[in-house]
């Protein structure tokens, strides 16, 4: 991991986050996101610069404001020093609430708005919510630390601390998921839309347009059958002739060269052809959904 000296919240920090997979996005990658982005497609749009990052809300502002207070409390109670840091490993990034001087222990702090929230209630049960576990395992992966101190601090209550160790099985899945997602980034190809990306449309204009489209598709398929049968009849009647013409139609046999099988060209073996690929294009597709 390489440390990066940037102020969290700065434009440089935001751009670095956009270009890397962050710990707060690990839950999205693992399919357990509670907050946005909660689908691969939404995350891809953020990384591609098509959507703006989420603006700071009161909960986020509270977390940033209270983080130094909680960190100081942890340092005082444990006698272990922690410093905030930003680290990068490959295409992954980690914004650490604290790292010990020897790098073996990291600190992740949560400051819920109140004791009535799910995060504090889970802490009282001795549990860590799945979306936070994904974040913790991501940070452990990036840092290479031996453990993470997960601290939940509600104002007016003693802070709750849990020691989380690296989960090698979870890490394997996380690395695989990030690698799969990152191919979409490198190839600038959006992931398929999931249920969380679908916007239900019930307006009269949509219903009318959808009805017209479905009717047109049925008519088009019927017309294609007629066209295919008529074409076969025309070709059959032209058998034995080089070309035939009549009623504004010309029927002739044409020849087209076969395509080059580039996989069999020895000179191209091991050559990365992606560098010669033209820029991709975006288009819309309409599919019929059953059910």
C-alpha atoms as a PDB file:
ATOM      1  CA  UNK A   1       0.000   0.000   0.000  1.00  0.00           C
ATOM      2  CA  UNK A   2       1.197   3.490  -0.853  1.00  0.00           C
ATOM      3  CA  UNK A   3       0.162   6.400   1.353  1.00  0.00           C
ATOM      4  CA  UNK A   4      -1.274   9.499  -0.294  1.00  0.00           C
ATOM      5  CA  UNK A   5      -1.241  12.871   1.419  1.00  0.00           C
ATOM      6  CA  UNK A   6      -4.520  14.516   0.488  1.00  0.00           C
ATOM      7  CA  UNK A   7      -7.144  16.306   2.513  1.00  0.00           C
ATOM      8  CA  UNK A   8     -10.329  14.272   2.716  1.00  0.00           C
ATOM      9  CA  UNK A   9     -13.110  16.126   0.918  1.00  0.00           C
ATOM     10  CA  UNK A  10     -10.741  18.046  -1.381  1.00  0.00           C
ATOM     11  CA  UNK A  11     -11.234  17.983  -5.159  1.00  0.00           C
ATOM     12  CA  UNK A  12      -8.003  15.963  -5.513  1.00  0.00           C
ATOM     13  CA  UNK A  13      -9.248  13.426  -2.975  1.00  0.00           C
ATOM     14  CA  UNK A  14     -12.621  13.147  -4.739  1.00  0.00           C
ATOM     15  CA  UNK A  15     -10.910  12.526  -8.079  1.00  0.00           C
ATOM     16  CA  UNK A  16      -8.629   9.905  -6.534  1.00  0.00           C
ATOM     17  CA  UNK A  17     -11.702   8.159  -5.089  1.00  0.00           C
ATOM     18  CA  UNK A  18     -13.408   8.250  -8.474  1.00  0.00           C
ATOM     19  CA  UNK A  19     -10.430   6.540 -10.077  1.00  0.00           C
ATOM     20  CA  UNK A  20     -10.217   3.792  -7.437  1.00  0.00           C
ATOM     21  CA  UNK A  21     -12.496   1.338  -5.641  1.00  0.00           C
ATOM     22  CA  UNK A  22     -13.174   2.660  -2.149  1.00  0.00           C
ATOM     23  CA  UNK A  23     -14.028   0.929   1.118  1.00  0.00           C
ATOM     24  CA  UNK A  24     -17.443   2.603   1.311  1.00  0.00           C
ATOM     25  CA  UNK A  25     -18.205   1.017  -2.072  1.00  0.00           C
ATOM     26  CA  UNK A  26     -17.196  -2.502  -1.028  1.00  0.00           C
ATOM     27  CA  UNK A  27     -20.723  -3.256   0.208  1.00  0.00           C
ATOM     28  CA  UNK A  28     -22.068  -2.416  -3.249  1.00  0.00           C
ATOM     29  CA  UNK A  29     -19.495  -4.753  -4.810  1.00  0.00           C
ATOM     30  CA  UNK A  30     -20.489  -7.528  -2.404  1.00  0.00           C
ATOM     31  CA  UNK A  31     -24.234  -7.012  -2.872  1.00  0.00           C
ATOM     32  CA  UNK A  32     -25.012  -5.853   0.671  1.00  0.00           C
ATOM     33  CA  UNK A  33     -25.139  -2.072   0.286  1.00  0.00           C
ATOM     34  CA  UNK A  34     -27.411  -0.117   2.606  1.00  0.00           C
ATOM     35  CA  UNK A  35     -26.567   3.273   1.149  1.00  0.00           C
ATOM     36  CA  UNK A  36     -25.960   4.630  -2.347  1.00  0.00           C
ATOM     37  CA  UNK A  37     -24.568   3.475  -4.683  1.00  0.00           C
ATOM     38  CA  UNK A  38     -26.292   0.122  -4.136  1.00  0.00           C
ATOM     39  CA  UNK A  39     -25.855  -1.468  -7.586  1.00  0.00           C
ATOM     40  CA  UNK A  40     -22.892  -2.099  -9.854  1.00  0.00           C
ATOM     41  CA  UNK A  41     -24.421   0.046 -12.573  1.00  0.00           C
ATOM     42  CA  UNK A  42     -24.820   3.030 -10.249  1.00  0.00           C
ATOM     43  CA  UNK A  43     -21.236   2.605  -9.066  1.00  0.00           C
ATOM     44  CA  UNK A  44     -20.013   2.304 -12.654  1.00  0.00           C
ATOM     45  CA  UNK A  45     -21.777   5.546 -13.574  1.00  0.00           C
ATOM     46  CA  UNK A  46     -20.018   7.283 -10.672  1.00  0.00           C
ATOM     47  CA  UNK A  47     -16.619   5.958 -11.718  1.00  0.00           C
ATOM     48  CA  UNK A  48     -17.297   6.842 -15.359  1.00  0.00           C
ATOM     49  CA  UNK A  49     -18.103  10.423 -14.363  1.00  0.00           C
ATOM     50  CA  UNK A  50     -21.665  10.167 -15.630  1.00  0.00           C
ATOM     51  CA  UNK A  51     -23.208  10.823 -12.203  1.00  0.00           C
ATOM     52  CA  UNK A  52     -22.075  13.226  -9.503  1.00  0.00           C
ATOM     53  CA  UNK A  53     -21.016  11.829  -6.108  1.00  0.00           C
ATOM     54  CA  UNK A  54     -23.481  12.060  -3.257  1.00  0.00           C
ATOM     55  CA  UNK A  55     -23.492  15.408  -1.470  1.00  0.00           C
ATOM     56  CA  UNK A  56     -22.672  15.510   2.212  1.00  0.00           C
ATOM     57  CA  UNK A  57     -25.727  14.905   4.380  1.00  0.00           C
ATOM     58  CA  UNK A  58     -26.169  15.608   8.122  1.00  0.00           C
ATOM     59  CA  UNK A  59     -25.129  12.072   9.092  1.00  0.00           C
ATOM     60  CA  UNK A  60     -21.914  12.341   7.062  1.00  0.00           C
ATOM     61  CA  UNK A  61     -21.166  15.800   8.473  1.00  0.00           C
ATOM     62  CA  UNK A  62     -21.673  14.506  12.010  1.00  0.00           C
ATOM     63  CA  UNK A  63     -19.320  11.601  11.366  1.00  0.00           C
ATOM     64  CA  UNK A  64     -16.571  13.896  10.087  1.00  0.00           C
ATOM     65  CA  UNK A  65     -17.013  16.288  13.009  1.00  0.00           C
ATOM     66  CA  UNK A  66     -16.981  13.628  15.730  1.00  0.00           C
ATOM     67  CA  UNK A  67     -14.350  11.324  14.242  1.00  0.00           C
ATOM     68  CA  UNK A  68     -11.367  13.183  15.841  1.00  0.00           C
ATOM     69  CA  UNK A  69     -13.157  13.194  19.212  1.00  0.00           C
ATOM     70  CA  UNK A  70     -13.809   9.458  19.089  1.00  0.00           C
ATOM     71  CA  UNK A  71     -10.268   8.731  17.870  1.00  0.00           C
ATOM     72  CA  UNK A  72      -8.813  10.711  20.789  1.00  0.00           C
ATOM     73  CA  UNK A  73     -11.051   8.770  23.178  1.00  0.00           C
ATOM     74  CA  UNK A  74      -9.844   5.446  21.733  1.00  0.00           C
ATOM     75  CA  UNK A  75      -6.199   6.539  21.974  1.00  0.00           C
ATOM     76  CA  UNK A  76      -6.683   7.578  25.605  1.00  0.00           C
ATOM     77  CA  UNK A  77      -8.491   4.400  26.615  1.00  0.00           C
ATOM     78  CA  UNK A  78      -6.202   1.940  24.794  1.00  0.00           C
ATOM     79  CA  UNK A  79      -2.881   3.709  25.061  1.00  0.00           C
ATOM     80  CA  UNK A  80      -2.307   3.132  21.343  1.00  0.00           C
ATOM     81  CA  UNK A  81      -1.728   5.953  18.889  1.00  0.00           C
ATOM     82  CA  UNK A  82      -3.743   6.199  15.666  1.00  0.00           C
ATOM     83  CA  UNK A  83      -3.384   8.631  12.772  1.00  0.00           C
ATOM     84  CA  UNK A  84      -5.840   9.126   9.877  1.00  0.00           C
ATOM     85  CA  UNK A  85      -4.438   8.191   6.477  1.00  0.00           C
ATOM     86  CA  UNK A  86      -5.259   7.490   2.839  1.00  0.00           C
ATOM     87  CA  UNK A  87      -3.706   4.469   1.163  1.00  0.00           C
ATOM     88  CA  UNK A  88      -3.779   3.059  -2.374  1.00  0.00           C
ATOM     89  CA  UNK A  89      -3.203  -0.523  -3.479  1.00  0.00           C
ATOM     90  CA  UNK A  90      -3.613  -1.112  -7.207  1.00  0.00           C
ATOM     91  CA  UNK A  91      -7.076   0.066  -8.224  1.00  0.00           C
ATOM     92  CA  UNK A  92      -8.283   0.055  -4.614  1.00  0.00           C
ATOM     93  CA  UNK A  93      -8.193   2.883  -2.085  1.00  0.00           C
ATOM     94  CA  UNK A  94      -8.728   3.072   1.654  1.00  0.00           C
ATOM     95  CA  UNK A  95      -9.520   6.142   3.729  1.00  0.00           C
ATOM     96  CA  UNK A  96      -8.517   5.113   7.239  1.00  0.00           C
ATOM     97  CA  UNK A  97      -9.922   6.733  10.365  1.00  0.00           C
ATOM     98  CA  UNK A  98      -6.703   5.618  12.000  1.00  0.00           C
ATOM     99  CA  UNK A  99      -3.613   3.456  11.518  1.00  0.00           C
ATOM    100  CA  UNK A 100      -1.221   2.482  14.280  1.00  0.00           C
ATOM    101  CA  UNK A 101       2.464   3.500  13.875  1.00  0.00           C
ATOM    102  CA  UNK A 102       3.460  -0.107  13.083  1.00  0.00           C
ATOM    103  CA  UNK A 103       0.646  -0.453  10.525  1.00  0.00           C
ATOM    104  CA  UNK A 104      -0.662  -3.621  12.154  1.00  0.00           C
ATOM    105  CA  UNK A 105      -3.905  -2.151  13.492  1.00  0.00           C
ATOM    106  CA  UNK A 106      -6.421   0.050  11.731  1.00  0.00           C
ATOM    107  CA  UNK A 107      -9.335   1.999  13.161  1.00  0.00           C
ATOM    108  CA  UNK A 108     -12.817   2.353  11.675  1.00  0.00           C
ATOM    109  CA  UNK A 109     -15.179   4.729  13.468  1.00  0.00           C
ATOM    110  CA  UNK A 110     -18.945   5.073  13.198  1.00  0.00           C
ATOM    111  CA  UNK A 111     -20.809   7.960  14.845  1.00  0.00           C
ATOM    112  CA  UNK A 112     -24.546   7.237  14.507  1.00  0.00           C
ATOM    113  CA  UNK A 113     -27.004  10.101  14.801  1.00  0.00           C
ATOM    114  CA  UNK A 114     -28.659   8.476  17.827  1.00  0.00           C
ATOM    115  CA  UNK A 115     -28.879   5.369  19.957  1.00  0.00           C
ATOM    116  CA  UNK A 116     -32.109   4.479  18.148  1.00  0.00           C
ATOM    117  CA  UNK A 117     -30.323   3.681  14.877  1.00  0.00           C
ATOM    118  CA  UNK A 118     -29.549   0.215  13.515  1.00  0.00           C
ATOM    119  CA  UNK A 119     -25.786   0.638  13.920  1.00  0.00           C
ATOM    120  CA  UNK A 120     -25.898   1.203  17.688  1.00  0.00           C
ATOM    121  CA  UNK A 121     -28.552  -1.462  18.205  1.00  0.00           C
ATOM    122  CA  UNK A 122     -26.380  -3.950  16.307  1.00  0.00           C
ATOM    123  CA  UNK A 123     -23.407  -2.961  18.481  1.00  0.00           C
ATOM    124  CA  UNK A 124     -25.410  -3.650  21.635  1.00  0.00           C
ATOM    125  CA  UNK A 125     -26.101  -7.132  20.245  1.00  0.00           C
ATOM    126  CA  UNK A 126     -22.387  -7.572  19.587  1.00  0.00           C
ATOM    127  CA  UNK A 127     -22.945  -7.533  15.827  1.00  0.00           C
ATOM    128  CA  UNK A 128     -21.559  -5.639  12.849  1.00  0.00           C
ATOM    129  CA  UNK A 129     -23.922  -4.877   9.991  1.00  0.00           C
ATOM    130  CA  UNK A 130     -23.009  -6.589   6.667  1.00  0.00           C
ATOM    131  CA  UNK A 131     -22.325  -3.342   4.795  1.00  0.00           C
ATOM    132  CA  UNK A 132     -19.833  -2.277   7.457  1.00  0.00           C
ATOM    133  CA  UNK A 133     -18.170  -5.709   7.474  1.00  0.00           C
ATOM    134  CA  UNK A 134     -17.556  -5.328   3.729  1.00  0.00           C
ATOM    135  CA  UNK A 135     -15.957  -1.945   4.397  1.00  0.00           C
ATOM    136  CA  UNK A 136     -13.765  -3.325   7.171  1.00  0.00           C
ATOM    137  CA  UNK A 137     -12.535  -6.297   5.122  1.00  0.00           C
ATOM    138  CA  UNK A 138     -11.744  -3.925   2.239  1.00  0.00           C
ATOM    139  CA  UNK A 139      -9.662  -1.729   4.560  1.00  0.00           C
ATOM    140  CA  UNK A 140      -7.851  -4.764   5.975  1.00  0.00           C
ATOM    141  CA  UNK A 141      -7.110  -5.912   2.425  1.00  0.00           C
ATOM    142  CA  UNK A 142      -5.722  -2.558   1.283  1.00  0.00           C
ATOM    143  CA  UNK A 143      -3.675  -1.942   4.441  1.00  0.00           C
ATOM    144  CA  UNK A 144      -2.436  -5.464   5.042  1.00  0.00           C
ATOM    145  CA  UNK A 145      -3.107  -4.875   8.753  1.00  0.00           C
ATOM    146  CA  UNK A 146      -3.520  -7.712  11.241  1.00  0.00           C
ATOM    147  CA  UNK A 147      -6.746  -6.392  12.730  1.00  0.00           C
ATOM    148  CA  UNK A 148      -9.294  -3.596  12.706  1.00  0.00           C
ATOM    149  CA  UNK A 149     -10.796  -1.899  15.739  1.00  0.00           C
ATOM    150  CA  UNK A 150     -14.394  -1.166  14.782  1.00  0.00           C
ATOM    151  CA  UNK A 151     -15.695   1.557  17.077  1.00  0.00           C
ATOM    152  CA  UNK A 152     -19.292   2.734  17.359  1.00  0.00           C
ATOM    153  CA  UNK A 153     -19.660   5.955  19.325  1.00  0.00           C
ATOM    154  CA  UNK A 154     -22.986   7.515  20.248  1.00  0.00           C
ATOM    155  CA  UNK A 155     -22.755  10.804  22.107  1.00  0.00           C
ATOM    156  CA  UNK A 156     -23.541  10.278  25.786  1.00  0.00           C
ATOM    157  CA  UNK A 157     -22.771   6.543  25.679  1.00  0.00           C
ATOM    158  CA  UNK A 158     -19.493   4.629  26.238  1.00  0.00           C
ATOM    159  CA  UNK A 159     -18.078   3.774  22.818  1.00  0.00           C
ATOM    160  CA  UNK A 160     -18.369   0.133  21.711  1.00  0.00           C
ATOM    161  CA  UNK A 161     -15.335  -1.588  20.212  1.00  0.00           C
ATOM    162  CA  UNK A 162     -15.042  -4.851  18.313  1.00  0.00           C
ATOM    163  CA  UNK A 163     -11.835  -6.435  17.059  1.00  0.00           C
ATOM    164  CA  UNK A 164     -12.211  -7.704  13.485  1.00  0.00           C
ATOM    165  CA  UNK A 165      -9.623  -9.999  11.909  1.00  0.00           C
ATOM    166  CA  UNK A 166      -9.057 -10.557   8.182  1.00  0.00           C
ATOM    167  CA  UNK A 167     -11.462 -13.123   6.750  1.00  0.00           C
ATOM    168  CA  UNK A 168      -9.501 -14.910   4.020  1.00  0.00           C
ATOM    169  CA  UNK A 169     -12.589 -16.439   2.403  1.00  0.00           C
ATOM    170  CA  UNK A 170     -14.375 -13.081   2.362  1.00  0.00           C
ATOM    171  CA  UNK A 171     -11.221 -11.425   1.041  1.00  0.00           C
ATOM    172  CA  UNK A 172     -11.028 -13.894  -1.841  1.00  0.00           C
ATOM    173  CA  UNK A 173     -14.614 -13.091  -2.824  1.00  0.00           C
ATOM    174  CA  UNK A 174     -13.992  -9.366  -2.447  1.00  0.00           C
ATOM    175  CA  UNK A 175     -10.892  -9.443  -4.664  1.00  0.00           C
ATOM    176  CA  UNK A 176     -12.776 -11.453  -7.284  1.00  0.00           C
ATOM    177  CA  UNK A 177     -15.763  -9.089  -7.250  1.00  0.00           C
ATOM    178  CA  UNK A 178     -13.593  -5.995  -7.504  1.00  0.00           C
ATOM    179  CA  UNK A 179     -11.597  -7.534 -10.383  1.00  0.00           C
ATOM    180  CA  UNK A 180     -14.811  -8.428 -12.225  1.00  0.00           C
ATOM    181  CA  UNK A 181     -16.272  -4.964 -11.706  1.00  0.00           C
ATOM    182  CA  UNK A 182     -13.044  -3.216 -12.660  1.00  0.00           C
ATOM    183  CA  UNK A 183     -13.070  -4.870 -16.084  1.00  0.00           C
ATOM    184  CA  UNK A 184     -16.196  -2.815 -16.761  1.00  0.00           C
ATOM    185  CA  UNK A 185     -14.220   0.304 -15.825  1.00  0.00           C
ATOM    186  CA  UNK A 186     -11.217  -0.552 -17.990  1.00  0.00           C
ATOM    187  CA  UNK A 187     -13.388  -1.483 -20.966  1.00  0.00           C
ATOM    188  CA  UNK A 188     -15.820   1.382 -20.336  1.00  0.00           C
ATOM    189  CA  UNK A 189     -18.676  -1.104 -20.590  1.00  0.00           C
ATOM    190  CA  UNK A 190     -21.525  -0.673 -18.089  1.00  0.00           C
ATOM    191  CA  UNK A 191     -22.663  -3.698 -16.061  1.00  0.00           C
ATOM    192  CA  UNK A 192     -26.133  -5.046 -16.785  1.00  0.00           C
ATOM    193  CA  UNK A 193     -28.954  -3.262 -14.981  1.00  0.00           C
ATOM    194  CA  UNK A 194     -30.248  -5.036 -11.880  1.00  0.00           C
ATOM    195  CA  UNK A 195     -33.625  -4.702 -10.162  1.00  0.00           C
ATOM    196  CA  UNK A 196     -32.253  -1.791  -8.139  1.00  0.00           C
ATOM    197  CA  UNK A 197     -31.621   0.167 -11.335  1.00  0.00           C
ATOM    198  CA  UNK A 198     -35.153  -0.152 -12.711  1.00  0.00           C
ATOM    199  CA  UNK A 199     -37.546   2.816 -12.543  1.00  0.00           C
ATOM    200  CA  UNK A 200     -41.217   1.706 -12.777  1.00  0.00           C
ATOM    201  CA  UNK A 201     -43.168   3.638 -15.429  1.00  0.00           C
ATOM    202  CA  UNK A 202     -46.975   3.811 -15.084  1.00  0.00           C
ATOM    203  CA  UNK A 203     -47.963   7.055 -16.836  1.00  0.00           C
ATOM    204  CA  UNK A 204     -50.523   7.164 -19.652  1.00  0.00           C
ATOM    205  CA  UNK A 205     -47.913   8.280 -22.207  1.00  0.00           C
ATOM    206  CA  UNK A 206     -45.710   5.289 -21.355  1.00  0.00           C
ATOM    207  CA  UNK A 207     -48.650   2.863 -21.513  1.00  0.00           C
ATOM    208  CA  UNK A 208     -49.633   4.207 -24.956  1.00  0.00           C
ATOM    209  CA  UNK A 209     -46.081   4.096 -26.334  1.00  0.00           C
ATOM    210  CA  UNK A 210     -45.522   0.589 -24.940  1.00  0.00           C
ATOM    211  CA  UNK A 211     -48.769  -0.641 -26.482  1.00  0.00           C
ATOM    212  CA  UNK A 212     -47.859   0.824 -29.879  1.00  0.00           C
ATOM    213  CA  UNK A 213     -44.396  -0.733 -29.697  1.00  0.00           C
ATOM    214  CA  UNK A 214     -45.653  -4.208 -28.774  1.00  0.00           C
ATOM    215  CA  UNK A 215     -48.277  -4.101 -31.554  1.00  0.00           C
ATOM    216  CA  UNK A 216     -45.642  -2.963 -34.049  1.00  0.00           C
ATOM    217  CA  UNK A 217     -43.308  -5.802 -33.020  1.00  0.00           C
ATOM    218  CA  UNK A 218     -46.059  -8.361 -33.618  1.00  0.00           C
ATOM    219  CA  UNK A 219     -46.788  -6.865 -37.044  1.00  0.00           C
ATOM    220  CA  UNK A 220     -43.075  -6.713 -37.846  1.00  0.00           C
ATOM    221  CA  UNK A 221     -42.574 -10.393 -37.052  1.00  0.00           C
ATOM    222  CA  UNK A 222     -45.549 -11.302 -39.245  1.00  0.00           C
ATOM    223  CA  UNK A 223     -44.158  -9.125 -42.054  1.00  0.00           C
ATOM    224  CA  UNK A 224     -40.728 -10.735 -41.732  1.00  0.00           C
ATOM    225  CA  UNK A 225     -42.306 -14.170 -42.282  1.00  0.00           C
ATOM    226  CA  UNK A 226     -44.064 -12.913 -45.436  1.00  0.00           C
ATOM    227  CA  UNK A 227     -40.858 -11.269 -46.690  1.00  0.00           C
ATOM    228  CA  UNK A 228     -38.856 -14.455 -46.113  1.00  0.00           C
ATOM    229  CA  UNK A 229     -41.376 -16.638 -47.967  1.00  0.00           C
ATOM    230  CA  UNK A 230     -41.626 -14.195 -50.895  1.00  0.00           C
ATOM    231  CA  UNK A 231     -37.814 -13.986 -51.090  1.00  0.00           C
ATOM    232  CA  UNK A 232     -37.544 -17.781 -51.289  1.00  0.00           C
ATOM    233  CA  UNK A 233     -40.122 -17.801 -54.150  1.00  0.00           C
ATOM    234  CA  UNK A 234     -38.220 -15.122 -56.076  1.00  0.00           C
ATOM    235  CA  UNK A 235     -34.916 -16.973 -55.672  1.00  0.00           C
ATOM    236  CA  UNK A 236     -36.499 -20.257 -56.766  1.00  0.00           C
ATOM    237  CA  UNK A 237     -37.888 -18.634 -59.946  1.00  0.00           C
ATOM    238  CA  UNK A 238     -34.445 -17.139 -60.696  1.00  0.00           C
ATOM    239  CA  UNK A 239     -32.714 -20.529 -60.487  1.00  0.00           C
ATOM    240  CA  UNK A 240     -30.559 -21.106 -63.570  1.00  0.00           C
ATOM    241  CA  UNK A 241     -30.131 -17.385 -64.276  1.00  0.00           C
ATOM    242  CA  UNK A 242     -27.281 -15.064 -63.244  1.00  0.00           C
ATOM    243  CA  UNK A 243     -29.715 -12.328 -62.337  1.00  0.00           C
ATOM    244  CA  UNK A 244     -33.421 -11.602 -62.735  1.00  0.00           C
ATOM    245  CA  UNK A 245     -35.363  -8.354 -62.708  1.00  0.00           C
ATOM    246  CA  UNK A 246     -39.005  -7.376 -62.732  1.00  0.00           C
ATOM    247  CA  UNK A 247     -41.605  -5.222 -60.931  1.00  0.00           C
ATOM    248  CA  UNK A 248     -38.852  -3.017 -59.495  1.00  0.00           C
ATOM    249  CA  UNK A 249     -36.941  -5.902 -57.986  1.00  0.00           C
ATOM    250  CA  UNK A 250     -33.587  -7.368 -58.994  1.00  0.00           C
ATOM    251  CA  UNK A 251     -32.566 -10.846 -57.775  1.00  0.00           C
ATOM    252  CA  UNK A 252     -28.935 -11.878 -58.148  1.00  0.00           C
ATOM    253  CA  UNK A 253     -26.429 -14.173 -56.503  1.00  0.00           C
ATOM    254  CA  UNK A 254     -23.676 -12.279 -54.670  1.00  0.00           C
ATOM    255  CA  UNK A 255     -20.440 -13.470 -53.100  1.00  0.00           C
ATOM    256  CA  UNK A 256     -18.784 -12.113 -49.984  1.00  0.00           C
ATOM    257  CA  UNK A 257     -15.336 -12.947 -48.671  1.00  0.00           C
ATOM    258  CA  UNK A 258     -15.106 -14.759 -45.366  1.00  0.00           C
ATOM    259  CA  UNK A 259     -13.964 -12.847 -42.293  1.00  0.00           C
ATOM    260  CA  UNK A 260     -10.373 -13.150 -41.061  1.00  0.00           C
ATOM    261  CA  UNK A 261      -9.923 -15.520 -38.133  1.00  0.00           C
ATOM    262  CA  UNK A 262      -7.485 -13.344 -36.183  1.00  0.00           C
ATOM    263  CA  UNK A 263      -7.040 -16.039 -33.535  1.00  0.00           C
ATOM    264  CA  UNK A 264      -5.171 -18.132 -36.129  1.00  0.00           C
ATOM    265  CA  UNK A 265      -2.751 -15.357 -37.222  1.00  0.00           C
ATOM    266  CA  UNK A 266       0.599 -16.366 -35.613  1.00  0.00           C
ATOM    267  CA  UNK A 267       1.981 -12.822 -35.731  1.00  0.00           C
ATOM    268  CA  UNK A 268      -0.866 -11.687 -33.448  1.00  0.00           C
ATOM    269  CA  UNK A 269      -0.246 -14.297 -30.747  1.00  0.00           C
ATOM    270  CA  UNK A 270       0.323 -12.522 -27.431  1.00  0.00           C
ATOM    271  CA  UNK A 271      -0.410  -9.108 -28.939  1.00  0.00           C
ATOM    272  CA  UNK A 272      -2.869  -6.927 -27.009  1.00  0.00           C
ATOM    273  CA  UNK A 273      -5.410  -5.921 -29.654  1.00  0.00           C
ATOM    274  CA  UNK A 274      -7.429  -3.829 -27.215  1.00  0.00           C
ATOM    275  CA  UNK A 275      -5.167  -0.857 -27.915  1.00  0.00           C
ATOM    276  CA  UNK A 276      -6.486  -0.847 -31.492  1.00  0.00           C
ATOM    277  CA  UNK A 277     -10.153  -1.044 -30.549  1.00  0.00           C
ATOM    278  CA  UNK A 278     -12.306   1.892 -31.602  1.00  0.00           C
ATOM    279  CA  UNK A 279     -14.156   3.894 -28.979  1.00  0.00           C
ATOM    280  CA  UNK A 280     -17.341   2.206 -27.826  1.00  0.00           C
ATOM    281  CA  UNK A 281     -20.761   3.645 -28.525  1.00  0.00           C
ATOM    282  CA  UNK A 282     -23.842   3.782 -26.335  1.00  0.00           C
ATOM    283  CA  UNK A 283     -27.279   2.801 -27.580  1.00  0.00           C
ATOM    284  CA  UNK A 284     -30.717   1.944 -26.191  1.00  0.00           C
ATOM    285  CA  UNK A 285     -32.310  -1.495 -26.344  1.00  0.00           C
ATOM    286  CA  UNK A 286     -35.928  -2.427 -25.734  1.00  0.00           C
ATOM    287  CA  UNK A 287     -36.608  -5.916 -24.345  1.00  0.00           C
ATOM    288  CA  UNK A 288     -39.877  -7.613 -23.551  1.00  0.00           C
ATOM    289  CA  UNK A 289     -40.099  -8.546 -19.872  1.00  0.00           C
ATOM    290  CA  UNK A 290     -42.292 -11.445 -18.849  1.00  0.00           C
ATOM    291  CA  UNK A 291     -44.255 -11.418 -15.626  1.00  0.00           C
END
